[in-house]
């Protein structure tokens, strides 16, 4: 059984200079156990506007904007995934591949497969449908081609996902990060 040793060090000053960043290290006497390192911002002034992430100061307001944009993107992608899954399942019902191998071959032909045969069989045994297993890309013309009446809806959802992703990328670029100042 190994012991855990906890140490705390003053790592750097805070941004305003009235507080500090403390590094907490938890390590074991086992040589291959590694160490668990966390940082704590100990400044009531800086903690209002900033938080620490991997030793960097991150602005809370710009980060919240990026998280909101990310949530919007993920929500749009989930809607696309739901509709796309139903489209693929309906297509498989029309085509009626006789075997699991034929199902995977059809997904491959459509450019919707990202798994090998063994992974496909495992997923089907777990009760997942071909539509749930399919890798639903944004720019897949084959998916729109098999969509039938849902093609317009699918295209609109794909555009929504693409624009939400672009918004998230822009918001992520605007997140303000500052390196912690060196000890004075």
N, C-alpha and C. Protein backbone atom coordinates (compact mmCIF):
# COMPACT_ATOMS: atom_id res chain seq x y z
N UNK A 1 0.84 -1.18 0.00
CA UNK A 1 0.00 0.00 0.00
C UNK A 1 0.89 1.24 0.00
N UNK A 2 0.52 2.21 -0.81
CA UNK A 2 1.35 3.40 -0.91
C UNK A 2 0.73 4.55 -0.13
N UNK A 3 1.57 5.46 0.24
CA UNK A 3 1.11 6.66 0.94
C UNK A 3 0.98 7.80 -0.05
N UNK A 4 0.11 8.74 0.29
CA UNK A 4 -0.06 9.93 -0.55
C UNK A 4 0.50 11.12 0.22
N UNK A 5 1.33 11.86 -0.47
CA UNK A 5 1.93 13.05 0.13
C UNK A 5 1.34 14.28 -0.55
N UNK A 6 0.89 15.24 0.24
CA UNK A 6 0.30 16.47 -0.29
C UNK A 6 1.23 17.64 -0.01
N UNK A 7 1.53 18.40 -1.05
CA UNK A 7 2.37 19.59 -0.93
C UNK A 7 1.69 20.75 -1.63
N UNK A 8 1.89 21.94 -1.09
CA UNK A 8 1.35 23.16 -1.71
C UNK A 8 2.48 24.16 -1.87
N UNK A 9 2.52 24.80 -3.04
CA UNK A 9 3.58 25.76 -3.34
C UNK A 9 2.96 27.02 -3.92
N UNK A 10 3.58 28.14 -3.66
CA UNK A 10 3.18 29.37 -4.33
C UNK A 10 3.75 29.29 -5.74
N UNK A 11 2.86 29.21 -6.72
CA UNK A 11 3.29 29.01 -8.10
C UNK A 11 3.57 30.33 -8.81
N UNK A 12 2.68 31.30 -8.63
CA UNK A 12 2.87 32.60 -9.28
C UNK A 12 2.01 33.64 -8.59
N UNK A 13 2.22 34.90 -9.01
CA UNK A 13 1.35 35.97 -8.55
C UNK A 13 0.06 35.93 -9.36
N UNK A 14 -0.97 36.58 -8.84
CA UNK A 14 -2.20 36.70 -9.63
C UNK A 14 -2.03 37.87 -10.60
N UNK A 15 -3.04 38.14 -11.39
CA UNK A 15 -2.93 39.20 -12.40
C UNK A 15 -2.83 40.60 -11.78
N UNK A 16 -3.58 40.82 -10.69
CA UNK A 16 -3.56 42.16 -10.09
C UNK A 16 -2.39 42.35 -9.12
N UNK A 17 -1.75 41.26 -8.74
CA UNK A 17 -0.60 41.35 -7.85
C UNK A 17 -0.93 41.34 -6.37
N UNK A 18 -2.23 41.29 -6.00
CA UNK A 18 -2.61 41.31 -4.60
C UNK A 18 -2.83 39.91 -4.02
N UNK A 19 -2.74 38.89 -4.85
CA UNK A 19 -2.95 37.52 -4.40
C UNK A 19 -1.94 36.60 -5.05
N UNK A 20 -2.25 35.32 -5.05
CA UNK A 20 -1.31 34.36 -5.61
C UNK A 20 -2.04 33.16 -6.20
N UNK A 21 -1.29 32.40 -6.96
CA UNK A 21 -1.76 31.11 -7.46
C UNK A 21 -0.98 30.05 -6.70
N UNK A 22 -1.71 29.13 -6.10
CA UNK A 22 -1.09 28.06 -5.33
C UNK A 22 -1.23 26.75 -6.10
N UNK A 23 -0.12 26.03 -6.20
CA UNK A 23 -0.13 24.72 -6.85
C UNK A 23 -0.17 23.65 -5.76
N UNK A 24 -1.15 22.76 -5.86
CA UNK A 24 -1.30 21.66 -4.92
C UNK A 24 -0.90 20.37 -5.64
N UNK A 25 0.04 19.63 -5.03
CA UNK A 25 0.54 18.41 -5.64
C UNK A 25 0.28 17.25 -4.69
N UNK A 26 -0.39 16.22 -5.20
CA UNK A 26 -0.61 15.00 -4.44
C UNK A 26 0.15 13.89 -5.16
N UNK A 27 1.11 13.30 -4.49
CA UNK A 27 1.91 12.24 -5.11
C UNK A 27 2.03 11.06 -4.16
N UNK A 28 2.27 9.90 -4.73
CA UNK A 28 2.43 8.69 -3.93
C UNK A 28 3.89 8.32 -3.86
N UNK A 29 4.23 7.43 -2.94
CA UNK A 29 5.61 6.96 -2.86
C UNK A 29 5.85 5.83 -3.87
N UNK A 30 4.80 5.42 -4.58
CA UNK A 30 4.93 4.43 -5.64
C UNK A 30 5.56 5.14 -6.84
N UNK A 31 6.67 4.61 -7.38
CA UNK A 31 7.41 5.36 -8.41
C UNK A 31 6.67 5.57 -9.72
N UNK A 32 5.67 4.74 -10.05
CA UNK A 32 4.99 4.87 -11.33
C UNK A 32 3.60 5.48 -11.19
N UNK A 33 3.30 5.98 -10.02
CA UNK A 33 1.96 6.51 -9.77
C UNK A 33 1.71 7.88 -10.32
N UNK A 34 2.75 8.63 -10.60
CA UNK A 34 2.57 9.99 -11.09
C UNK A 34 2.11 10.92 -9.98
N UNK A 35 1.72 12.10 -10.37
CA UNK A 35 1.27 13.10 -9.40
C UNK A 35 0.00 13.76 -9.92
N UNK A 36 -0.83 14.19 -8.99
CA UNK A 36 -2.04 14.92 -9.34
C UNK A 36 -1.81 16.39 -8.95
N UNK A 37 -1.85 17.27 -9.96
CA UNK A 37 -1.54 18.68 -9.74
C UNK A 37 -2.80 19.50 -9.98
N UNK A 38 -3.13 20.37 -9.04
CA UNK A 38 -4.23 21.31 -9.21
C UNK A 38 -3.73 22.71 -8.85
N UNK A 39 -4.44 23.70 -9.40
CA UNK A 39 -4.08 25.09 -9.13
C UNK A 39 -5.27 25.78 -8.46
N UNK A 40 -4.96 26.70 -7.55
CA UNK A 40 -6.02 27.45 -6.86
C UNK A 40 -5.68 28.94 -6.91
N UNK A 41 -6.67 29.71 -7.33
CA UNK A 41 -6.51 31.16 -7.38
C UNK A 41 -6.90 31.73 -6.02
N UNK A 42 -5.96 32.31 -5.35
CA UNK A 42 -6.20 32.86 -4.01
C UNK A 42 -6.12 34.38 -4.05
N UNK A 43 -7.09 34.96 -4.72
CA UNK A 43 -7.20 36.41 -4.80
C UNK A 43 -8.67 36.74 -4.99
N UNK A 44 -9.30 37.39 -4.02
CA UNK A 44 -10.73 37.68 -4.15
C UNK A 44 -11.03 38.65 -5.30
N UNK A 45 -10.09 39.49 -5.68
CA UNK A 45 -10.30 40.46 -6.76
C UNK A 45 -10.27 39.78 -8.13
N UNK A 46 -9.25 38.97 -8.37
CA UNK A 46 -9.11 38.30 -9.66
C UNK A 46 -10.14 37.18 -9.83
N UNK A 47 -10.53 36.54 -8.74
CA UNK A 47 -11.47 35.42 -8.82
C UNK A 47 -12.85 35.84 -9.32
N UNK A 48 -13.15 37.14 -9.26
CA UNK A 48 -14.44 37.62 -9.76
C UNK A 48 -14.50 37.49 -11.28
N UNK A 49 -13.41 37.79 -11.97
CA UNK A 49 -13.41 37.83 -13.43
C UNK A 49 -12.65 36.69 -14.10
N UNK A 50 -11.85 35.94 -13.34
CA UNK A 50 -10.97 34.94 -13.93
C UNK A 50 -11.10 33.60 -13.20
N UNK A 51 -10.74 32.53 -13.92
CA UNK A 51 -10.54 31.24 -13.28
C UNK A 51 -9.30 30.62 -13.89
N UNK A 52 -8.79 29.58 -13.26
CA UNK A 52 -7.57 28.94 -13.74
C UNK A 52 -7.89 27.68 -14.52
N UNK A 53 -7.18 27.52 -15.63
CA UNK A 53 -7.31 26.31 -16.43
C UNK A 53 -5.91 25.94 -16.91
N UNK A 54 -5.40 24.84 -16.41
CA UNK A 54 -4.07 24.35 -16.78
C UNK A 54 -2.99 25.42 -16.59
N UNK A 55 -3.09 26.15 -15.51
CA UNK A 55 -2.08 27.16 -15.21
C UNK A 55 -2.27 28.49 -15.94
N UNK A 56 -3.35 28.65 -16.67
CA UNK A 56 -3.65 29.89 -17.39
C UNK A 56 -4.83 30.58 -16.75
N UNK A 57 -4.82 31.90 -16.75
CA UNK A 57 -5.99 32.67 -16.32
C UNK A 57 -6.94 32.75 -17.51
N UNK A 58 -8.22 32.43 -17.28
CA UNK A 58 -9.22 32.46 -18.34
C UNK A 58 -10.34 33.41 -17.91
N UNK A 59 -10.68 34.33 -18.81
CA UNK A 59 -11.74 35.29 -18.54
C UNK A 59 -13.10 34.58 -18.51
N UNK A 60 -13.85 34.77 -17.43
CA UNK A 60 -15.13 34.07 -17.24
C UNK A 60 -16.18 34.48 -18.26
N UNK A 61 -16.24 35.75 -18.62
CA UNK A 61 -17.28 36.24 -19.53
C UNK A 61 -17.09 35.68 -20.93
N UNK A 62 -15.87 35.76 -21.48
CA UNK A 62 -15.64 35.26 -22.83
C UNK A 62 -15.75 33.74 -22.87
N UNK A 63 -15.35 33.09 -21.79
CA UNK A 63 -15.46 31.63 -21.72
C UNK A 63 -16.92 31.20 -21.68
N UNK A 64 -17.75 31.94 -20.95
CA UNK A 64 -19.19 31.62 -20.89
C UNK A 64 -19.82 31.76 -22.27
N UNK A 65 -19.40 32.76 -23.03
CA UNK A 65 -19.90 32.92 -24.39
C UNK A 65 -19.52 31.74 -25.28
N UNK A 66 -18.30 31.25 -25.14
CA UNK A 66 -17.86 30.10 -25.93
C UNK A 66 -18.61 28.84 -25.51
N UNK A 67 -18.87 28.68 -24.23
CA UNK A 67 -19.63 27.50 -23.76
C UNK A 67 -21.06 27.54 -24.27
N UNK A 68 -21.66 28.72 -24.29
CA UNK A 68 -23.03 28.85 -24.79
C UNK A 68 -23.07 28.52 -26.29
N UNK A 69 -22.08 28.99 -27.03
CA UNK A 69 -22.02 28.70 -28.46
C UNK A 69 -21.79 27.21 -28.69
N UNK A 70 -20.98 26.59 -27.85
CA UNK A 70 -20.74 25.15 -27.95
C UNK A 70 -22.02 24.37 -27.68
N UNK A 71 -22.78 24.79 -26.69
CA UNK A 71 -24.06 24.12 -26.38
C UNK A 71 -25.02 24.23 -27.55
N UNK A 72 -25.06 25.39 -28.18
CA UNK A 72 -25.91 25.59 -29.35
C UNK A 72 -25.49 24.66 -30.48
N UNK A 73 -24.20 24.54 -30.71
CA UNK A 73 -23.67 23.66 -31.75
C UNK A 73 -24.03 22.20 -31.46
N UNK A 74 -23.81 21.76 -30.22
CA UNK A 74 -24.11 20.38 -29.85
C UNK A 74 -25.60 20.08 -29.95
N UNK A 75 -26.43 21.04 -29.61
CA UNK A 75 -27.88 20.87 -29.71
C UNK A 75 -28.30 20.71 -31.17
N UNK A 76 -27.74 21.54 -32.03
CA UNK A 76 -28.06 21.46 -33.46
C UNK A 76 -27.56 20.14 -34.03
N UNK A 77 -26.38 19.71 -33.62
CA UNK A 77 -25.82 18.44 -34.11
C UNK A 77 -26.67 17.26 -33.65
N UNK A 78 -27.19 17.32 -32.45
CA UNK A 78 -28.05 16.24 -31.94
C UNK A 78 -29.35 16.16 -32.74
N UNK A 79 -29.91 17.31 -33.08
CA UNK A 79 -31.13 17.31 -33.91
C UNK A 79 -30.85 16.69 -35.28
N UNK A 80 -29.70 17.06 -35.87
CA UNK A 80 -29.31 16.48 -37.16
C UNK A 80 -29.12 14.98 -37.03
N UNK A 81 -28.51 14.57 -35.95
CA UNK A 81 -28.26 13.14 -35.72
C UNK A 81 -29.57 12.37 -35.60
N UNK A 82 -30.56 12.94 -34.90
CA UNK A 82 -31.85 12.27 -34.75
C UNK A 82 -32.54 12.09 -36.09
N UNK A 83 -32.61 13.16 -36.88
CA UNK A 83 -33.27 13.08 -38.18
C UNK A 83 -32.48 12.16 -39.11
N UNK A 84 -31.17 12.30 -39.14
CA UNK A 84 -30.33 11.46 -39.99
C UNK A 84 -30.44 9.99 -39.63
N UNK A 85 -30.54 9.70 -38.35
CA UNK A 85 -30.69 8.32 -37.90
C UNK A 85 -32.00 7.72 -38.42
N UNK A 86 -33.08 8.51 -38.34
CA UNK A 86 -34.37 8.03 -38.85
C UNK A 86 -34.31 7.82 -40.37
N UNK A 87 -33.60 8.70 -41.07
CA UNK A 87 -33.47 8.58 -42.53
C UNK A 87 -32.73 7.29 -42.88
N UNK A 88 -31.62 7.02 -42.19
CA UNK A 88 -30.84 5.80 -42.47
C UNK A 88 -31.67 4.56 -42.14
N UNK A 89 -32.37 4.56 -41.01
CA UNK A 89 -33.19 3.40 -40.65
C UNK A 89 -34.30 3.17 -41.67
N UNK A 90 -34.94 4.25 -42.15
CA UNK A 90 -35.99 4.11 -43.16
C UNK A 90 -35.40 3.58 -44.47
N UNK A 91 -34.20 4.04 -44.82
CA UNK A 91 -33.53 3.54 -46.02
C UNK A 91 -33.25 2.04 -45.90
N UNK A 92 -32.77 1.61 -44.75
CA UNK A 92 -32.48 0.19 -44.53
C UNK A 92 -33.77 -0.65 -44.60
N UNK A 93 -34.88 -0.07 -44.17
CA UNK A 93 -36.16 -0.79 -44.28
C UNK A 93 -36.57 -0.95 -45.74
N UNK A 94 -36.29 0.07 -46.56
CA UNK A 94 -36.62 -0.01 -47.99
C UNK A 94 -35.71 -1.01 -48.72
N UNK A 95 -34.40 -0.94 -48.41
CA UNK A 95 -33.42 -1.77 -49.10
C UNK A 95 -33.47 -3.22 -48.60
N UNK A 96 -33.72 -3.40 -47.32
CA UNK A 96 -33.79 -4.71 -46.67
C UNK A 96 -32.56 -5.58 -46.94
N UNK A 97 -31.38 -5.15 -46.48
CA UNK A 97 -30.20 -5.99 -46.66
C UNK A 97 -30.41 -7.33 -45.92
N UNK A 98 -30.05 -8.46 -46.56
CA UNK A 98 -30.34 -9.76 -45.97
C UNK A 98 -29.47 -10.13 -44.76
N UNK A 99 -28.27 -9.54 -44.65
CA UNK A 99 -27.37 -9.89 -43.55
C UNK A 99 -26.81 -8.62 -42.90
N UNK A 100 -26.18 -8.80 -41.76
CA UNK A 100 -25.51 -7.67 -41.09
C UNK A 100 -24.36 -7.15 -41.96
N UNK A 101 -23.66 -8.07 -42.61
CA UNK A 101 -22.57 -7.68 -43.49
C UNK A 101 -23.09 -6.81 -44.63
N UNK A 102 -24.26 -7.17 -45.16
CA UNK A 102 -24.85 -6.37 -46.24
C UNK A 102 -25.28 -4.99 -45.72
N UNK A 103 -25.75 -4.93 -44.47
CA UNK A 103 -26.10 -3.63 -43.87
C UNK A 103 -24.87 -2.74 -43.82
N UNK A 104 -23.76 -3.30 -43.32
CA UNK A 104 -22.53 -2.52 -43.21
C UNK A 104 -22.01 -2.13 -44.60
N UNK A 105 -22.13 -3.01 -45.55
CA UNK A 105 -21.70 -2.70 -46.92
C UNK A 105 -22.52 -1.53 -47.48
N UNK A 106 -23.82 -1.52 -47.19
CA UNK A 106 -24.67 -0.42 -47.65
C UNK A 106 -24.26 0.90 -46.97
N UNK A 107 -23.97 0.85 -45.68
CA UNK A 107 -23.50 2.06 -44.98
C UNK A 107 -22.18 2.53 -45.58
N UNK A 108 -21.29 1.58 -45.89
CA UNK A 108 -20.01 1.94 -46.53
C UNK A 108 -20.25 2.58 -47.89
N UNK A 109 -21.15 2.01 -48.68
CA UNK A 109 -21.44 2.55 -50.00
C UNK A 109 -21.94 3.99 -49.92
N UNK A 110 -22.72 4.28 -48.86
CA UNK A 110 -23.26 5.63 -48.67
C UNK A 110 -22.25 6.58 -48.01
N UNK A 111 -21.11 6.04 -47.59
CA UNK A 111 -20.11 6.87 -46.92
C UNK A 111 -20.51 7.21 -45.49
N UNK A 112 -21.29 6.33 -44.86
CA UNK A 112 -21.80 6.61 -43.52
C UNK A 112 -21.22 5.67 -42.46
N UNK A 113 -20.23 4.88 -42.82
CA UNK A 113 -19.68 3.92 -41.87
C UNK A 113 -18.31 4.37 -41.39
N UNK A 114 -18.11 4.27 -40.09
CA UNK A 114 -16.80 4.57 -39.53
C UNK A 114 -16.35 3.44 -38.61
N UNK A 115 -17.00 2.27 -38.76
CA UNK A 115 -16.69 1.13 -37.90
C UNK A 115 -16.34 -0.07 -38.78
N UNK A 116 -15.63 -1.03 -38.19
CA UNK A 116 -15.37 -2.26 -38.91
C UNK A 116 -16.50 -3.26 -38.63
N UNK A 117 -16.42 -4.43 -39.24
CA UNK A 117 -17.50 -5.41 -39.14
C UNK A 117 -17.72 -5.87 -37.70
N UNK A 118 -16.65 -6.12 -36.99
CA UNK A 118 -16.76 -6.57 -35.60
C UNK A 118 -17.44 -5.51 -34.73
N UNK A 119 -17.03 -4.25 -34.88
CA UNK A 119 -17.65 -3.17 -34.12
C UNK A 119 -19.12 -3.01 -34.49
N UNK A 120 -19.43 -3.20 -35.77
CA UNK A 120 -20.82 -3.12 -36.22
C UNK A 120 -21.65 -4.21 -35.56
N UNK A 121 -21.15 -5.43 -35.58
CA UNK A 121 -21.88 -6.54 -34.95
C UNK A 121 -22.08 -6.30 -33.46
N UNK A 122 -21.05 -5.82 -32.79
CA UNK A 122 -21.18 -5.52 -31.35
C UNK A 122 -22.26 -4.48 -31.10
N UNK A 123 -22.27 -3.44 -31.91
CA UNK A 123 -23.27 -2.38 -31.73
C UNK A 123 -24.68 -2.91 -32.01
N UNK A 124 -24.84 -3.74 -33.02
CA UNK A 124 -26.15 -4.31 -33.32
C UNK A 124 -26.61 -5.24 -32.20
N UNK A 125 -25.67 -6.01 -31.63
CA UNK A 125 -26.02 -6.88 -30.49
C UNK A 125 -26.47 -6.07 -29.28
N UNK A 126 -25.95 -4.87 -29.16
CA UNK A 126 -26.34 -3.99 -28.06
C UNK A 126 -27.68 -3.32 -28.31
N UNK A 127 -28.28 -3.60 -29.46
CA UNK A 127 -29.61 -3.07 -29.76
C UNK A 127 -29.62 -1.76 -30.54
N UNK A 128 -28.47 -1.33 -31.01
CA UNK A 128 -28.43 -0.08 -31.79
C UNK A 128 -28.85 -0.36 -33.22
N UNK A 129 -29.55 0.59 -33.81
CA UNK A 129 -30.01 0.47 -35.19
C UNK A 129 -28.91 0.93 -36.14
N UNK A 130 -29.00 0.60 -37.43
CA UNK A 130 -28.00 1.10 -38.39
C UNK A 130 -27.91 2.63 -38.37
N UNK A 131 -29.05 3.30 -38.19
CA UNK A 131 -29.04 4.76 -38.13
C UNK A 131 -28.29 5.30 -36.93
N UNK A 132 -28.33 4.56 -35.82
CA UNK A 132 -27.59 4.99 -34.63
C UNK A 132 -26.10 4.72 -34.77
N UNK A 133 -25.74 3.74 -35.56
CA UNK A 133 -24.34 3.38 -35.77
C UNK A 133 -23.71 4.25 -36.85
N UNK A 134 -24.52 4.72 -37.79
CA UNK A 134 -24.02 5.50 -38.93
C UNK A 134 -23.27 6.73 -38.46
N UNK A 135 -22.22 7.06 -39.20
CA UNK A 135 -21.44 8.27 -38.94
C UNK A 135 -22.03 9.37 -39.80
N UNK A 136 -22.84 10.23 -39.20
CA UNK A 136 -23.62 11.21 -39.95
C UNK A 136 -22.83 12.51 -40.10
N UNK A 137 -22.15 12.65 -41.24
CA UNK A 137 -21.38 13.86 -41.52
C UNK A 137 -22.28 15.00 -41.97
N UNK A 138 -21.78 16.20 -41.86
CA UNK A 138 -22.53 17.35 -42.33
C UNK A 138 -22.64 17.38 -43.85
N UNK A 139 -21.55 17.13 -44.51
CA UNK A 139 -21.48 17.30 -45.96
C UNK A 139 -21.59 15.96 -46.68
N UNK A 140 -22.63 15.19 -46.39
CA UNK A 140 -22.79 13.90 -47.06
C UNK A 140 -23.98 13.98 -48.01
N UNK A 141 -23.69 14.09 -49.29
CA UNK A 141 -24.75 14.19 -50.30
C UNK A 141 -25.56 12.91 -50.38
N UNK A 142 -24.95 11.76 -50.09
CA UNK A 142 -25.68 10.50 -50.14
C UNK A 142 -26.79 10.46 -49.11
N UNK A 143 -26.56 11.04 -47.94
CA UNK A 143 -27.59 11.06 -46.90
C UNK A 143 -28.79 11.88 -47.36
N UNK A 144 -28.53 13.00 -47.99
CA UNK A 144 -29.62 13.84 -48.51
C UNK A 144 -30.33 13.11 -49.65
N UNK A 145 -29.57 12.37 -50.46
CA UNK A 145 -30.16 11.67 -51.60
C UNK A 145 -31.14 10.58 -51.16
N UNK A 146 -30.86 9.90 -50.05
CA UNK A 146 -31.75 8.83 -49.59
C UNK A 146 -32.85 9.35 -48.67
N UNK A 147 -32.81 10.64 -48.36
CA UNK A 147 -33.73 11.20 -47.37
C UNK A 147 -35.16 11.28 -47.86
N UNK A 148 -35.36 11.37 -49.16
CA UNK A 148 -36.72 11.46 -49.68
C UNK A 148 -37.38 12.74 -49.23
N UNK A 149 -38.58 12.65 -48.60
CA UNK A 149 -39.29 13.86 -48.18
C UNK A 149 -38.59 14.65 -47.08
N UNK A 150 -37.68 13.99 -46.37
CA UNK A 150 -36.97 14.67 -45.27
C UNK A 150 -35.71 15.39 -45.75
N UNK A 151 -35.46 15.38 -47.04
CA UNK A 151 -34.22 15.96 -47.58
C UNK A 151 -34.10 17.44 -47.25
N UNK A 152 -35.19 18.18 -47.42
CA UNK A 152 -35.14 19.62 -47.16
C UNK A 152 -34.86 19.90 -45.68
N UNK A 153 -35.53 19.15 -44.81
CA UNK A 153 -35.33 19.29 -43.37
C UNK A 153 -33.89 18.94 -43.00
N UNK A 154 -33.38 17.86 -43.59
CA UNK A 154 -32.01 17.42 -43.32
C UNK A 154 -31.00 18.47 -43.78
N UNK A 155 -31.22 19.03 -44.94
CA UNK A 155 -30.31 20.07 -45.46
C UNK A 155 -30.34 21.31 -44.57
N UNK A 156 -31.53 21.69 -44.11
CA UNK A 156 -31.63 22.85 -43.22
C UNK A 156 -30.89 22.59 -41.91
N UNK A 157 -31.06 21.38 -41.35
CA UNK A 157 -30.38 21.04 -40.11
C UNK A 157 -28.86 21.04 -40.29
N UNK A 158 -28.40 20.53 -41.44
CA UNK A 158 -26.96 20.53 -41.72
C UNK A 158 -26.42 21.95 -41.80
N UNK A 159 -27.18 22.86 -42.42
CA UNK A 159 -26.75 24.27 -42.47
C UNK A 159 -26.73 24.88 -41.06
N UNK A 160 -27.75 24.53 -40.25
CA UNK A 160 -27.78 25.03 -38.86
C UNK A 160 -26.56 24.57 -38.08
N UNK A 161 -26.19 23.31 -38.25
CA UNK A 161 -25.02 22.77 -37.54
C UNK A 161 -23.76 23.48 -38.02
N UNK A 162 -23.66 23.68 -39.30
CA UNK A 162 -22.46 24.34 -39.86
C UNK A 162 -22.33 25.77 -39.35
N UNK A 163 -23.45 26.51 -39.31
CA UNK A 163 -23.38 27.89 -38.82
C UNK A 163 -23.14 27.93 -37.31
N UNK A 164 -23.73 26.99 -36.57
CA UNK A 164 -23.50 26.96 -35.11
C UNK A 164 -22.05 26.62 -34.81
N UNK A 165 -21.46 25.73 -35.61
CA UNK A 165 -20.05 25.40 -35.42
C UNK A 165 -19.17 26.61 -35.70
N UNK A 166 -19.50 27.36 -36.75
CA UNK A 166 -18.73 28.56 -37.08
C UNK A 166 -18.83 29.59 -35.96
N UNK A 167 -20.03 29.74 -35.38
CA UNK A 167 -20.20 30.66 -34.25
C UNK A 167 -19.34 30.22 -33.06
N UNK A 168 -19.33 28.92 -32.80
CA UNK A 168 -18.53 28.41 -31.68
C UNK A 168 -17.04 28.65 -31.94
N UNK A 169 -16.59 28.40 -33.17
CA UNK A 169 -15.17 28.61 -33.48
C UNK A 169 -14.77 30.07 -33.27
N UNK A 170 -15.64 31.00 -33.68
CA UNK A 170 -15.36 32.41 -33.47
C UNK A 170 -15.35 32.76 -31.98
N UNK A 171 -16.33 32.23 -31.25
CA UNK A 171 -16.40 32.50 -29.81
C UNK A 171 -15.19 31.91 -29.09
N UNK A 172 -14.75 30.74 -29.52
CA UNK A 172 -13.58 30.10 -28.88
C UNK A 172 -12.31 30.92 -29.13
N UNK A 173 -12.22 31.55 -30.30
CA UNK A 173 -11.06 32.40 -30.59
C UNK A 173 -11.05 33.65 -29.73
N UNK A 174 -12.23 34.10 -29.31
CA UNK A 174 -12.32 35.33 -28.51
C UNK A 174 -12.11 35.11 -27.01
N UNK A 175 -11.99 33.84 -26.58
CA UNK A 175 -11.75 33.58 -25.16
C UNK A 175 -10.39 34.15 -24.78
N UNK A 176 -10.40 34.97 -23.72
CA UNK A 176 -9.18 35.63 -23.29
C UNK A 176 -8.45 34.72 -22.29
N UNK A 177 -7.20 34.39 -22.62
CA UNK A 177 -6.36 33.58 -21.74
C UNK A 177 -5.05 34.35 -21.51
N UNK A 178 -4.62 34.34 -20.28
CA UNK A 178 -3.36 35.01 -19.95
C UNK A 178 -2.49 34.07 -19.14
N UNK A 179 -1.23 34.07 -19.49
CA UNK A 179 -0.25 33.25 -18.77
C UNK A 179 -0.09 33.83 -17.37
N UNK A 180 0.01 32.99 -16.39
CA UNK A 180 0.21 33.47 -15.02
C UNK A 180 1.55 34.19 -14.92
N UNK A 181 1.57 35.35 -14.23
CA UNK A 181 2.85 36.08 -14.11
C UNK A 181 3.85 35.31 -13.25
N UNK A 182 5.11 35.53 -13.53
CA UNK A 182 6.18 34.89 -12.75
C UNK A 182 6.21 35.46 -11.34
N UNK A 183 6.76 34.69 -10.43
CA UNK A 183 6.89 35.17 -9.05
C UNK A 183 7.79 36.39 -8.99
N UNK A 184 7.38 37.34 -8.16
CA UNK A 184 8.21 38.55 -8.04
C UNK A 184 9.18 38.43 -6.90
